C-alpha atoms as a PDB file:
ATOM      1  CA  MET A   1      -2.157   4.211   0.388  1.00  0.00           C
ATOM      2  CA  ALA A   2      -2.940   1.697  -2.731  1.00  0.00           C
ATOM      3  CA  ARG A   3      -6.787   3.285  -3.171  1.00  0.00           C
ATOM      4  CA  GLN A   4      -5.464   6.721  -2.514  1.00  0.00           C
ATOM      5  CA  ARG A   5      -2.903   6.492  -5.836  1.00  0.00           C
ATOM      6  CA  GLY A   6      -5.642   4.650  -7.802  1.00  0.00           C
ATOM      7  CA  LEU A   7      -4.326   0.952  -7.004  1.00  0.00           C
ATOM      8  CA  GLU A   8      -5.125  -2.207  -6.108  1.00  0.00           C
ATOM      9  CA  ALA A   9      -3.286  -3.891  -3.503  1.00  0.00           C
ATOM     10  CA  ILE A  10      -3.181  -6.937  -1.369  1.00  0.00           C
ATOM     11  CA  GLY A  11      -0.879  -7.567   1.259  1.00  0.00           C
ATOM     12  CA  HIS A  12      -0.438 -10.422   4.048  1.00  0.00           C
ATOM     13  CA  SER A  13       1.896 -10.935   7.027  1.00  0.00           C
ATOM     14  CA  ALA A  14       4.702 -12.179   6.365  1.00  0.00           C
ATOM     15  CA  SER A  15       6.663 -14.575   9.423  1.00  0.00           C
ATOM     16  CA  ASN A  16       9.360 -13.709  11.264  1.00  0.00           C
ATOM     17  CA  PRO A  17      12.738 -13.624  10.150  1.00  0.00           C
ATOM     18  CA  LEU A  18      15.111 -15.679  12.562  1.00  0.00           C
ATOM     19  CA  GLY A  19      18.802 -15.450  13.035  1.00  0.00           C
ATOM     20  CA  GLU A  20      21.565 -12.299  12.778  1.00  0.00           C
ATOM     21  CA  PHE A  21      18.583 -10.637  10.633  1.00  0.00           C
ATOM     22  CA  SER A  22      15.979 -10.145  13.175  1.00  0.00           C
ATOM     23  CA  SER A  23      17.526  -7.711  14.636  1.00  0.00           C
ATOM     24  CA  ASN A  24      17.946  -5.631  11.191  1.00  0.00           C
ATOM     25  CA  THR A  25      14.646  -6.136  10.745  1.00  0.00           C
ATOM     26  CA  ARG A  26      13.475  -4.634  14.264  1.00  0.00           C
ATOM     27  CA  PHE A  27      15.646  -1.460  14.218  1.00  0.00           C
ATOM     28  CA  GLY A  28      15.470  -0.875  10.297  1.00  0.00           C
ATOM     29  CA  GLU A  29      11.520  -1.656  10.316  1.00  0.00           C
ATOM     30  CA  PRO A  30      10.231   1.342  11.960  1.00  0.00           C
ATOM     31  CA  LEU A  31      13.004   3.554   9.465  1.00  0.00           C
ATOM     32  CA  VAL A  32      12.032   2.691   6.497  1.00  0.00           C
ATOM     33  CA  CYS A  33       8.751   3.576   7.921  1.00  0.00           C
ATOM     34  CA  GLY A  34       9.261   6.979   9.066  1.00  0.00           C
ATOM     35  CA  GLN A  35      11.059   7.295   5.295  1.00  0.00           C
ATOM     36  CA  MET A  36       7.651   6.055   3.715  1.00  0.00           C
ATOM     37  CA  ALA A  37       5.965   8.723   5.516  1.00  0.00           C
ATOM     38  CA  LEU A  38       7.555  11.510   4.698  1.00  0.00           C
ATOM     39  CA  ASP A  39       7.624  10.790   0.716  1.00  0.00           C
ATOM     40  CA  LEU A  40       3.932  10.410   0.985  1.00  0.00           C
ATOM     41  CA  LEU A  41       3.880  14.158   2.996  1.00  0.00           C
ATOM     42  CA  LEU A  42       6.487  15.627   0.181  1.00  0.00           C
ATOM     43  CA  ASN A  43       4.682  13.563  -2.305  1.00  0.00           C
ATOM     44  CA  LYS A  44       8.407  12.075  -4.019  1.00  0.00           C
ATOM     45  CA  GLN A  45       7.649  10.373  -7.207  1.00  0.00           C
ATOM     46  CA  PRO A  46      10.139   7.319  -7.970  1.00  0.00           C
ATOM     47  CA  LYS A  47      13.405   8.228  -9.215  1.00  0.00           C
ATOM     48  CA  TYR A  48      14.336   6.193 -11.473  1.00  0.00           C
ATOM     49  CA  LEU A  49      11.109   4.129 -13.704  1.00  0.00           C
ATOM     50  CA  GLY A  50      11.788   1.089 -15.484  1.00  0.00           C
ATOM     51  CA  ALA A  51       8.596  -0.661 -17.844  1.00  0.00           C
ATOM     52  CA  PRO A  52       5.483  -1.014 -16.016  1.00  0.00           C
ATOM     53  CA  ILE A  53       5.163  -4.420 -15.240  1.00  0.00           C
ATOM     54  CA  ARG A  54       2.073  -6.007 -14.422  1.00  0.00           C
ATOM     55  CA  ILE A  55       2.313  -8.222 -11.745  1.00  0.00           C
ATOM     56  CA  GLY A  56       0.217 -11.880 -11.079  1.00  0.00           C
ATOM     57  CA  ILE A  57      -0.475 -12.532 -14.913  1.00  0.00           C
ATOM     58  CA  ASP A  58       2.363 -15.235 -15.841  1.00  0.00           C
ATOM     59  CA  PRO A  59       4.996 -13.042 -18.471  1.00  0.00           C
ATOM     60  CA  ILE A  60       4.741 -16.739 -20.947  1.00  0.00           C
ATOM     61  CA  GLN A  61       0.749 -16.695 -21.953  1.00  0.00           C
END
């Protein structure tokens, strides 16, 4: 998906949450993935765009 939009992206696998958050994640994740797929199919654009932020750049420099 990132390459289709001209982005360089790197991801990693996060550990599973513990306790009450695990059931929220288990049921919510498929819904979020479905919404994301629908947004891509319909070419939905962000509703609110702020100023661009460079990720991975130290803001102090």
